[in-house]
Amino acid sequence: MSSSPNNVGISILLYIIGIMLVLMAVLIVLKGLGVLTTLPNYVIWALLLLSVGMGILGGLRSSQRR
């Protein structure tokens, strides 16, 4: 049974948002503990692109299992 494209899009979006929330929580904890004092812009962009890529792959993978 194949999923409708609308469900796949929502699944991908939810995966992206979930991964971004986890990454932001880790960054906030590390900044609060004093491990990270400054964070360069390229690291933030790399984390953003990583979360988008992982979200797309996770959403597509979950839609294939249904």
Protein backbone atom coordinates (compact mmCIF):
# COMPACT_ATOMS: atom_id res chain seq x y z
CA MET A 1 0.00 0.00 0.00
CA SER A 2 1.48 3.35 -0.98
CA SER A 3 1.07 6.54 1.01
CA SER A 4 -0.33 9.65 -0.54
CA PRO A 5 2.24 12.37 -1.37
CA ASN A 6 0.57 14.62 1.18
CA ASN A 7 1.28 12.18 4.02
CA VAL A 8 4.89 11.76 2.90
CA GLY A 9 5.38 15.53 2.89
CA ILE A 10 3.95 15.88 6.37
CA SER A 11 6.08 13.00 7.61
CA ILE A 12 9.24 14.59 6.19
CA LEU A 13 8.35 17.96 7.72
CA LEU A 14 7.75 16.40 11.13
CA TYR A 15 11.06 14.54 11.00
CA ILE A 16 12.91 17.76 10.10
CA ILE A 17 11.26 19.69 12.93
CA GLY A 18 11.95 16.89 15.41
CA ILE A 19 15.63 16.65 14.50
CA MET A 20 16.00 20.45 14.68
CA LEU A 21 14.42 20.51 18.14
CA VAL A 22 16.78 17.81 19.41
CA LEU A 23 19.84 19.59 17.98
CA MET A 24 18.77 22.92 19.48
CA ALA A 25 18.19 21.30 22.87
CA VAL A 26 21.69 19.78 22.79
CA LEU A 27 23.20 23.14 21.86
CA ILE A 28 21.32 24.95 24.63
CA VAL A 29 22.48 22.40 27.22
CA LEU A 30 26.10 22.62 26.02
CA LYS A 31 26.00 26.42 26.12
CA GLY A 32 24.45 26.31 29.59
CA LEU A 33 27.21 24.02 30.86
CA GLY A 34 29.84 26.34 29.41
CA VAL A 35 31.20 23.80 26.94
CA LEU A 36 30.27 26.03 24.00
CA THR A 37 30.95 29.71 24.39
CA THR A 38 30.63 30.83 20.78
CA LEU A 39 29.33 28.99 17.76
CA PRO A 40 30.43 30.03 14.25
CA ASN A 41 27.75 30.61 11.62
CA TYR A 42 29.00 27.80 9.40
CA VAL A 43 28.40 25.29 12.19
CA ILE A 44 24.81 26.47 12.55
CA TRP A 45 24.29 26.16 8.78
CA ALA A 46 25.87 22.70 8.78
CA LEU A 47 23.53 21.55 11.56
CA LEU A 48 20.55 23.00 9.72
CA LEU A 49 21.45 21.22 6.48
CA LEU A 50 22.16 18.00 8.39
CA SER A 51 18.74 18.09 10.04
CA VAL A 52 17.01 18.74 6.71
CA GLY A 53 18.85 15.85 5.06
CA MET A 54 18.19 13.48 7.93
CA GLY A 55 14.53 14.54 8.02
CA ILE A 56 14.07 13.84 4.33
CA LEU A 57 15.73 10.44 4.58
CA GLY A 58 13.79 9.53 7.73
CA GLY A 59 10.47 10.60 6.23
CA LEU A 60 11.05 8.66 3.04
CA ARG A 61 12.18 5.62 4.98
CA SER A 62 9.12 5.65 7.21
CA SER A 63 6.80 6.07 4.22
CA GLN A 64 8.31 2.99 2.55
CA ARG A 65 7.63 0.82 5.61
CA ARG A 66 3.88 1.45 5.50
